[in-house]
Amino acid sequence: MVHGELWTVKELFVTPNEYIYWSIQIVMYPFMTGLVAGAFVLSSLYHVFGIQQLKDMARFALVFSFALLFAAPMPIVLHLQFPFRGVEIFMTPHFTSAIAAFGIVFFTYGAIVASELWFLYRKHFVEVSLALREKQDRTLGEQIRYLIFCTLTLGVYDISEESLHRDEKAIKFLAALGIPVACFLHGYAGFIFGSVKANALWMTPLMPVIFIMSAIVSGIALCMLTYIVAMEIRKYLAKRKRAAYAGLQSQDQLKSVEISVIQMTAKYLLAFLVAAISLEILDLIFRGYTALKSWDVLRSVIYDRDFKTIFLMQYGIGNLVPLILFLIPGITIRRAVLGVLLVLFGVFMMRWNVVIGGQAFSLTFAGYMHYHLPIVPHDWETVKEGLVGAIAIFIMPFALFTVISKIFPVFETQKAR
């Protein structure tokens, strides 16, 4: 069976060798890489521009971006018929193609984030390792923890004021350097689509910019959602008389911190959301105004066959509704949760409409293809290329974040700057 034949339904005049080859995992790939870039840009708003109200969110977003980084290439690995060939991108990176350049950009960005995390938490590593070293009777768990934190110090135990000041300069430099690298990490996905001359829907110079802007929106939205969930867990623990574990004095203090951080972050989310919507509408208007040779088939796809997914789901539910929710003064936690969920849905639908919608029409311009997402898996192909595989990819960074946050405490402000 040809790859793609399992979930492709053809209509009218479609050539025999045409199928929807890029499935849900290729939708998840730009979606996940966008979350990485957006989370890092959010953290840089504090480290580079000094927005003090985002100090707690910046630390949280940086650690979360590091967790997302490991999940970002996994959709490609699952999609490949020969997954081990994907390693060649990282082992032999070069700039002769956008895909090949991904290895260089990915490792560069990973090094920047890891270095910034090290400088940010170096004092914490030293304090924990020294405290465990002084302890006489260490348990097995404490011994393992001691070895981990001693390794993470890299032999640097100087935590004087002068040394910490140099760390802050390094953090600011790495954060500033990471912004264009993070944007390029996701922008190259839009570049790949925008440079495909054989596909009329993808061929537009605005595609990389639209991808970058929507990536920042989705990354900020997911960080807000995860931050709210984490703070609600801390409030629950504080309510059960476990305020020492929560790290603050009371549930009321936790609630006050949560609201102030979310309100400030929502302002930046709104600004980037307006920019993303404007670019997408501009691209749509430009296509209709120029009305190239392929416009007839594109118009039938955009305004007829994909009208529900584009105008109702993406623009209506995913853009317009959250825009109204964030524009209403006095945002609450519940309204913020609803807004960021809809924003994430809208960005995902944008990726869906680009990837799946771009393959919806035949190269003959006289036929159409429909994609049916495999929901109930019955073999390995429908597992990795269906709903189960997509959900597994989305859950992966949350599991990694839970583990990584044990080493990089996102809420212990006394130990991490």
Protein backbone atom coordinates (compact mmCIF):
# COMPACT_ATOMS: atom_id res chain seq x y z
CA MET A 1 0.00 0.00 0.00
CA VAL A 2 1.28 3.47 -0.92
CA HIS A 3 2.02 5.77 2.02
CA GLY A 4 -1.00 8.06 2.34
CA GLU A 5 -3.43 5.78 0.55
CA LEU A 6 -4.90 4.62 3.85
CA TRP A 7 -6.34 8.03 4.80
CA THR A 8 -6.85 9.67 1.38
CA VAL A 9 -10.21 9.88 -0.41
CA LYS A 10 -10.09 11.17 -4.00
CA GLU A 11 -12.76 13.12 -5.84
CA LEU A 12 -13.06 14.09 -9.52
CA PHE A 13 -9.87 14.24 -11.63
CA VAL A 14 -6.87 13.25 -9.50
CA THR A 15 -3.75 11.61 -10.91
CA PRO A 16 -3.13 8.00 -9.77
CA ASN A 17 0.11 8.78 -7.90
CA GLU A 18 -1.35 11.64 -5.84
CA TYR A 19 -2.19 11.16 -2.16
CA ILE A 20 -2.14 13.20 1.01
CA TYR A 21 1.33 12.13 2.04
CA TRP A 22 1.80 14.62 4.89
CA SER A 23 -0.51 13.54 7.70
CA ILE A 24 -1.28 14.67 11.26
CA GLN A 25 2.36 14.35 12.33
CA ILE A 26 3.42 16.99 9.81
CA VAL A 27 0.72 19.19 11.34
CA MET A 28 2.14 18.49 14.80
CA TYR A 29 5.71 19.22 13.72
CA PRO A 30 5.35 22.99 13.04
CA PHE A 31 2.90 23.19 15.94
CA MET A 32 5.44 21.77 18.43
CA THR A 33 8.42 23.74 17.09
CA GLY A 34 6.26 26.86 17.32
CA LEU A 35 5.64 26.20 20.99
CA VAL A 36 9.40 25.98 21.54
CA ALA A 37 10.06 29.34 19.89
CA GLY A 38 7.12 31.07 21.56
CA ALA A 39 8.08 29.91 25.06
CA PHE A 40 11.65 31.15 24.61
CA VAL A 41 10.52 34.56 23.31
CA LEU A 42 8.28 34.89 26.38
CA SER A 43 11.21 34.17 28.71
CA SER A 44 13.36 36.71 26.87
CA LEU A 45 10.87 39.51 27.53
CA TYR A 46 12.24 39.60 31.07
CA HIS A 47 15.89 38.64 30.54
CA VAL A 48 16.46 41.01 27.59
CA PHE A 49 13.92 43.79 28.03
CA GLY A 50 13.77 43.72 31.83
CA ILE A 51 10.00 43.45 32.27
CA GLN A 52 9.98 42.73 36.01
CA GLN A 53 6.34 41.59 36.12
CA LEU A 54 7.31 38.60 33.97
CA LYS A 55 10.21 37.44 36.18
CA ASP A 56 8.45 34.32 37.49
CA MET A 57 6.88 33.51 34.12
CA ALA A 58 10.25 33.96 32.37
CA ARG A 59 11.91 31.26 34.48
CA PHE A 60 8.92 28.98 34.00
CA ALA A 61 8.84 29.55 30.22
CA LEU A 62 12.57 28.92 29.80
CA VAL A 63 12.43 25.54 31.54
CA PHE A 64 9.28 24.64 29.62
CA SER A 65 10.94 25.62 26.33
CA PHE A 66 13.80 23.25 27.15
CA ALA A 67 11.31 20.42 27.75
CA LEU A 68 9.49 21.22 24.49
CA LEU A 69 12.78 21.12 22.61
CA PHE A 70 13.10 17.35 23.00
CA ALA A 71 9.56 16.75 21.75
CA ALA A 72 9.81 19.06 18.72
CA PRO A 73 11.53 16.65 16.25
CA MET A 74 9.55 13.57 17.34
CA PRO A 75 6.67 14.05 14.81
CA ILE A 76 9.20 13.86 11.99
CA VAL A 77 10.70 10.69 13.46
CA LEU A 78 7.27 9.04 13.66
CA HIS A 79 6.31 10.16 10.16
CA LEU A 80 9.40 8.82 8.42
CA GLN A 81 9.07 5.39 6.86
CA PHE A 82 12.69 4.82 7.90
CA PRO A 83 13.00 6.78 11.17
CA PHE A 84 16.73 6.19 11.63
CA ARG A 85 17.36 8.22 8.50
CA GLY A 86 16.19 11.26 10.47
CA VAL A 87 19.40 11.11 12.50
CA GLU A 88 21.34 12.00 9.36
CA ILE A 89 19.88 15.53 9.54
CA PHE A 90 21.60 16.05 12.88
CA MET A 91 24.79 14.16 12.08
CA THR A 92 25.43 15.82 8.69
CA PRO A 93 23.92 19.33 8.87
CA HIS A 94 24.51 21.78 6.02
CA PHE A 95 22.77 24.79 4.44
CA THR A 96 22.06 23.36 1.00
CA SER A 97 18.41 22.87 1.97
CA ALA A 98 16.06 24.09 4.68
CA ILE A 99 15.58 20.58 6.08
CA ALA A 100 19.33 19.93 6.23
CA ALA A 101 19.91 23.28 7.97
CA PHE A 102 17.57 22.17 10.73
CA GLY A 103 20.40 20.16 12.34
CA ILE A 104 22.55 23.27 12.74
CA VAL A 105 19.70 25.45 14.00
CA PHE A 106 18.39 22.79 16.38
CA PHE A 107 21.74 22.14 18.04
CA THR A 108 22.57 25.87 18.17
CA TYR A 109 19.27 26.66 19.84
CA GLY A 110 19.60 23.71 22.22
CA ALA A 111 23.08 24.88 23.25
CA ILE A 112 21.81 28.42 23.86
CA VAL A 113 18.90 27.28 26.04
CA ALA A 114 21.04 24.80 27.99
CA SER A 115 23.72 27.45 28.58
CA GLU A 116 21.18 30.02 29.70
CA LEU A 117 19.62 27.52 32.09
CA TRP A 118 23.03 26.70 33.53
CA PHE A 119 23.86 30.34 34.23
CA LEU A 120 20.38 30.94 35.63
CA TYR A 121 20.49 27.99 38.04
CA ARG A 122 24.23 27.78 38.76
CA LYS A 123 23.82 29.24 42.24
CA HIS A 124 21.09 26.69 42.97
CA PHE A 125 23.33 23.83 41.80
CA VAL A 126 26.17 24.98 44.05
CA GLU A 127 23.97 25.47 47.12
CA VAL A 128 22.32 22.07 46.78
CA SER A 129 25.59 20.22 46.13
CA LEU A 130 27.34 21.90 49.08
CA ALA A 131 24.40 21.17 51.40
CA LEU A 132 24.40 17.50 50.40
CA ARG A 133 28.19 17.28 50.72
CA GLU A 134 28.03 18.41 54.35
CA LYS A 135 25.40 15.82 55.18
CA GLN A 136 27.00 12.82 56.87
CA ASP A 137 24.57 9.94 56.33
CA ARG A 138 23.17 10.34 52.84
CA THR A 139 20.50 8.00 51.55
CA LEU A 140 20.77 6.38 48.13
CA GLY A 141 18.42 9.00 46.66
CA GLU A 142 20.44 11.82 48.23
CA GLN A 143 23.67 10.30 46.95
CA ILE A 144 22.29 10.20 43.39
CA ARG A 145 21.02 13.75 43.77
CA TYR A 146 24.45 14.83 45.07
CA LEU A 147 26.20 13.31 42.04
CA ILE A 148 23.74 14.99 39.65
CA PHE A 149 24.12 18.45 41.15
CA CYS A 150 27.90 18.14 41.54
CA THR A 151 28.07 17.30 37.84
CA LEU A 152 25.84 20.24 36.93
CA THR A 153 28.11 22.70 38.74
CA LEU A 154 30.86 21.80 36.20
CA GLY A 155 33.37 22.35 39.01
CA VAL A 156 32.48 26.05 39.38
CA TYR A 157 31.57 26.79 43.00
CA ASP A 158 32.16 30.54 43.04
CA ILE A 159 28.86 32.23 43.95
CA SER A 160 30.22 35.62 44.99
CA GLU A 161 28.38 38.79 44.02
CA GLU A 162 30.87 39.49 41.25
CA SER A 163 30.49 35.99 39.83
CA LEU A 164 26.69 36.14 39.94
CA HIS A 165 26.80 39.52 38.21
CA ARG A 166 28.80 37.96 35.36
CA ASP A 167 26.18 35.20 35.18
CA GLU A 168 23.43 37.79 34.76
CA LYS A 169 25.33 39.40 31.86
CA ALA A 170 25.74 35.99 30.22
CA ILE A 171 22.03 35.26 30.66
CA LYS A 172 21.06 38.54 29.00
CA PHE A 173 23.47 37.95 26.10
CA LEU A 174 22.24 34.38 25.52
CA ALA A 175 18.60 35.44 25.72
CA ALA A 176 19.16 38.18 23.14
CA LEU A 177 21.07 35.78 20.90
CA GLY A 178 18.39 33.12 21.29
CA ILE A 179 15.50 35.25 20.03
CA PRO A 180 16.54 35.27 16.33
CA VAL A 181 17.71 31.65 16.56
CA ALA A 182 14.36 30.58 18.07
CA CYS A 183 12.49 32.48 15.36
CA PHE A 184 14.64 30.88 12.67
CA LEU A 185 14.08 27.46 14.25
CA HIS A 186 10.39 27.78 13.49
CA GLY A 187 10.57 30.20 10.59
CA TYR A 188 12.39 27.67 8.45
CA ALA A 189 9.24 25.47 8.56
CA GLY A 190 7.30 28.32 7.03
CA PHE A 191 10.16 28.84 4.59
CA ILE A 192 9.86 25.23 3.43
CA PHE A 193 6.15 25.63 2.73
CA GLY A 194 6.48 29.10 1.23
CA SER A 195 9.20 28.04 -1.19
CA VAL A 196 7.29 25.10 -2.72
CA LYS A 197 6.52 26.49 -6.17
CA ALA A 198 4.48 23.44 -7.16
CA ASN A 199 1.82 24.21 -4.53
CA ALA A 200 -0.25 27.33 -5.05
CA LEU A 201 -1.51 27.53 -1.44
CA TRP A 202 1.96 27.44 0.10
CA MET A 203 3.81 29.66 -2.35
CA THR A 204 3.87 33.03 -0.54
CA PRO A 205 6.74 35.07 0.98
CA LEU A 206 4.55 35.83 4.01
CA MET A 207 4.48 32.18 5.08
CA PRO A 208 7.65 32.28 7.28
CA VAL A 209 6.51 35.47 9.02
CA ILE A 210 3.02 34.08 9.64
CA PHE A 211 4.52 30.90 11.08
CA ILE A 212 6.83 32.83 13.41
CA MET A 213 4.12 35.17 14.69
CA SER A 214 1.62 32.38 15.32
CA ALA A 215 4.41 30.38 16.98
CA ILE A 216 4.99 33.15 19.52
CA VAL A 217 1.24 33.29 20.19
CA SER A 218 0.97 29.53 20.74
CA GLY A 219 4.09 29.37 22.94
CA ILE A 220 2.88 32.17 25.20
CA ALA A 221 -0.59 30.60 25.40
CA LEU A 222 0.74 27.15 26.37
CA CYS A 223 3.08 28.65 28.99
CA MET A 224 0.14 30.55 30.48
CA LEU A 225 -2.00 27.42 30.58
CA THR A 226 0.74 25.28 32.15
CA TYR A 227 1.60 28.03 34.64
CA ILE A 228 -2.04 28.30 35.73
CA VAL A 229 -2.30 24.53 36.22
CA ALA A 230 0.94 24.47 38.24
CA MET A 231 -0.19 27.39 40.41
CA GLU A 232 -3.57 25.77 41.04
CA ILE A 233 -1.77 22.64 42.25
CA ARG A 234 0.36 24.77 44.57
CA LYS A 235 -2.72 26.51 45.93
CA TYR A 236 -4.31 23.15 46.59
CA LEU A 237 -1.22 22.02 48.50
CA ALA A 238 -1.17 25.26 50.46
CA LYS A 239 -4.82 24.77 51.35
CA ARG A 240 -3.92 21.37 52.81
CA LYS A 241 -1.50 23.02 55.23
CA ARG A 242 1.51 22.29 53.06
CA ALA A 243 2.55 25.88 52.43
CA ALA A 244 6.21 25.01 53.05
CA TYR A 245 6.17 22.73 50.00
CA ALA A 246 4.33 25.32 47.96
CA GLY A 247 7.06 27.85 48.67
CA LEU A 248 4.82 30.76 49.78
CA GLN A 249 3.04 31.73 52.95
CA SER A 250 -0.58 31.19 52.07
CA GLN A 251 -3.10 30.38 49.38
CA ASP A 252 -4.04 34.06 49.08
CA GLN A 253 -0.46 35.03 48.26
CA LEU A 254 -0.29 32.33 45.61
CA LYS A 255 -3.55 33.57 44.10
CA SER A 256 -2.27 37.16 44.02
CA VAL A 257 0.96 36.14 42.26
CA GLU A 258 -0.95 34.02 39.77
CA ILE A 259 -3.39 36.77 38.79
CA SER A 260 -0.71 39.48 38.43
CA VAL A 261 1.53 37.28 36.27
CA ILE A 262 -1.34 36.11 34.05
CA GLN A 263 -2.67 39.64 33.56
CA MET A 264 0.71 40.93 32.45
CA THR A 265 1.41 37.94 30.18
CA ALA A 266 -2.06 38.26 28.62
CA LYS A 267 -1.19 41.77 27.42
CA TYR A 268 1.73 40.48 25.38
CA LEU A 269 -0.29 37.54 24.13
CA LEU A 270 -2.94 39.96 22.90
CA ALA A 271 -0.36 42.09 21.08
CA PHE A 272 1.16 39.12 19.25
CA LEU A 273 -2.31 37.70 18.55
CA VAL A 274 -3.38 40.91 16.80
CA ALA A 275 -0.19 40.84 14.71
CA ALA A 276 -0.71 37.18 13.76
CA ILE A 277 -4.33 37.73 12.75
CA SER A 278 -3.39 40.80 10.70
CA LEU A 279 -0.73 38.90 8.76
CA GLU A 280 -3.05 35.97 8.00
CA ILE A 281 -5.84 38.27 6.78
CA LEU A 282 -3.33 40.27 4.73
CA ASP A 283 -2.15 37.08 3.04
CA LEU A 284 -5.73 36.05 2.28
CA ILE A 285 -6.57 39.46 0.80
CA PHE A 286 -3.37 39.50 -1.27
CA ARG A 287 -4.19 36.12 -2.79
CA GLY A 288 -7.66 37.26 -3.79
CA TYR A 289 -6.40 40.57 -5.18
CA THR A 290 -3.64 39.09 -7.32
CA ALA A 291 -5.92 36.21 -8.50
CA LEU A 292 -3.23 34.14 -10.10
CA LYS A 293 -3.85 31.24 -12.46
CA SER A 294 -4.46 28.83 -9.56
CA TRP A 295 -6.89 31.17 -7.76
CA ASP A 296 -9.99 29.39 -9.04
CA VAL A 297 -9.11 26.11 -7.35
CA LEU A 298 -7.78 27.90 -4.26
CA ARG A 299 -11.00 29.86 -3.95
CA SER A 300 -13.03 26.65 -4.13
CA VAL A 301 -10.91 25.15 -1.34
CA ILE A 302 -10.76 28.21 0.93
CA TYR A 303 -14.31 29.52 0.57
CA ASP A 304 -16.17 26.28 -0.06
CA ARG A 305 -14.63 22.95 0.91
CA ASP A 306 -12.50 24.19 3.84
CA PHE A 307 -14.78 27.07 4.84
CA LYS A 308 -15.64 25.47 8.19
CA THR A 309 -12.06 24.70 9.21
CA ILE A 310 -10.67 28.06 8.04
CA PHE A 311 -13.31 30.68 8.80
CA LEU A 312 -15.30 29.03 11.59
CA MET A 313 -12.67 27.03 13.47
CA GLN A 314 -9.45 28.97 12.80
CA TYR A 315 -10.59 32.58 12.41
CA GLY A 316 -13.81 32.42 14.40
CA ILE A 317 -13.26 30.10 17.36
CA GLY A 318 -9.46 30.23 17.36
CA ASN A 319 -8.87 33.94 16.70
CA LEU A 320 -11.93 36.16 17.08
CA VAL A 321 -13.39 34.66 20.27
CA PRO A 322 -10.10 34.71 22.28
CA LEU A 323 -9.37 38.20 20.95
CA ILE A 324 -12.66 39.40 22.44
CA LEU A 325 -12.00 37.52 25.70
CA PHE A 326 -8.62 39.20 26.18
CA LEU A 327 -9.90 42.64 25.15
CA ILE A 328 -12.54 42.66 27.89
CA PRO A 329 -11.04 44.51 30.89
CA GLY A 330 -10.40 42.72 34.18
CA ILE A 331 -9.30 39.33 32.92
CA THR A 332 -9.85 36.44 35.32
CA ILE A 333 -8.11 33.09 35.59
CA ARG A 334 -11.08 31.20 34.17
CA ARG A 335 -11.39 33.57 31.23
CA ALA A 336 -7.64 33.32 30.65
CA VAL A 337 -7.82 29.51 30.60
CA LEU A 338 -10.64 29.57 28.07
CA GLY A 339 -8.82 32.16 25.97
CA VAL A 340 -5.49 30.33 25.79
CA LEU A 341 -7.21 27.02 25.01
CA LEU A 342 -8.98 28.66 22.07
CA VAL A 343 -5.74 30.32 20.96
CA LEU A 344 -3.95 26.96 20.93
CA PHE A 345 -6.85 25.49 19.00
CA GLY A 346 -6.69 28.33 16.47
CA VAL A 347 -2.93 27.95 15.91
CA PHE A 348 -3.32 24.19 15.52
CA MET A 349 -6.09 24.73 12.96
CA MET A 350 -3.85 27.18 11.11
CA ARG A 351 -1.19 24.46 10.85
CA TRP A 352 -3.88 21.97 9.82
CA ASN A 353 -5.26 24.22 7.09
CA VAL A 354 -1.78 24.90 5.71
CA VAL A 355 -0.54 21.30 5.72
CA ILE A 356 -3.75 19.38 4.94
CA GLY A 357 -5.43 22.18 2.97
CA GLY A 358 -2.34 22.55 0.80
CA GLN A 359 -2.73 18.93 -0.27
CA ALA A 360 -6.52 19.07 -0.69
CA PHE A 361 -6.46 19.77 -4.41
CA SER A 362 -4.87 17.86 -7.24
CA LEU A 363 -2.06 19.23 -9.34
CA THR A 364 -4.46 18.97 -12.25
CA PHE A 365 -6.54 21.75 -10.60
CA ALA A 366 -9.59 19.62 -11.48
CA GLY A 367 -9.82 17.22 -8.55
CA TYR A 368 -9.75 17.13 -4.76
CA MET A 369 -8.46 14.88 -2.00
CA HIS A 370 -9.91 14.52 1.49
CA TYR A 371 -7.97 13.52 4.58
CA HIS A 372 -9.53 11.18 7.14
CA LEU A 373 -7.61 11.13 10.40
CA PRO A 374 -7.13 7.56 11.70
CA ILE A 375 -8.80 7.67 15.12
CA VAL A 376 -9.04 3.99 16.08
CA PRO A 377 -5.63 2.36 15.46
CA HIS A 378 -5.52 -1.12 14.00
CA ASP A 379 -1.84 -1.31 13.02
CA TRP A 380 1.43 0.56 13.67
CA GLU A 381 0.85 2.89 10.72
CA THR A 382 -2.47 4.14 12.13
CA VAL A 383 -0.93 4.43 15.61
CA LYS A 384 1.92 6.75 14.69
CA GLU A 385 0.06 8.58 11.90
CA GLY A 386 -3.26 8.88 13.74
CA LEU A 387 -4.87 10.50 16.75
CA VAL A 388 -2.96 8.32 19.21
CA GLY A 389 0.41 9.42 17.86
CA ALA A 390 -0.57 13.10 17.87
CA ILE A 391 -1.78 12.96 21.49
CA ALA A 392 1.40 11.14 22.55
CA ILE A 393 3.53 13.89 20.99
CA PHE A 394 1.53 16.61 22.76
CA ILE A 395 1.77 14.89 26.17
CA MET A 396 5.50 14.21 25.89
CA PRO A 397 6.78 17.74 26.84
CA PHE A 398 4.58 17.84 29.94
CA ALA A 399 6.10 14.58 31.19
CA LEU A 400 9.59 15.90 30.45
CA PHE A 401 8.80 19.21 32.16
CA THR A 402 7.73 17.36 35.33
CA VAL A 403 11.10 15.59 35.46
CA ILE A 404 13.24 18.58 34.44
CA SER A 405 11.56 20.88 36.98
CA LYS A 406 12.96 18.63 39.73
CA ILE A 407 16.41 19.83 38.72
CA PHE A 408 15.45 23.35 37.61
CA PRO A 409 12.90 24.52 40.24
CA VAL A 410 10.64 27.00 38.45
CA PHE A 411 9.06 28.39 41.63
CA GLU A 412 11.89 28.42 44.18
CA THR A 413 12.72 32.08 43.71
CA GLN A 414 15.01 32.14 46.70
CA LYS A 415 17.39 29.68 45.04
CA ALA A 416 17.07 30.69 41.39
CA ARG A 417 17.26 34.23 40.09
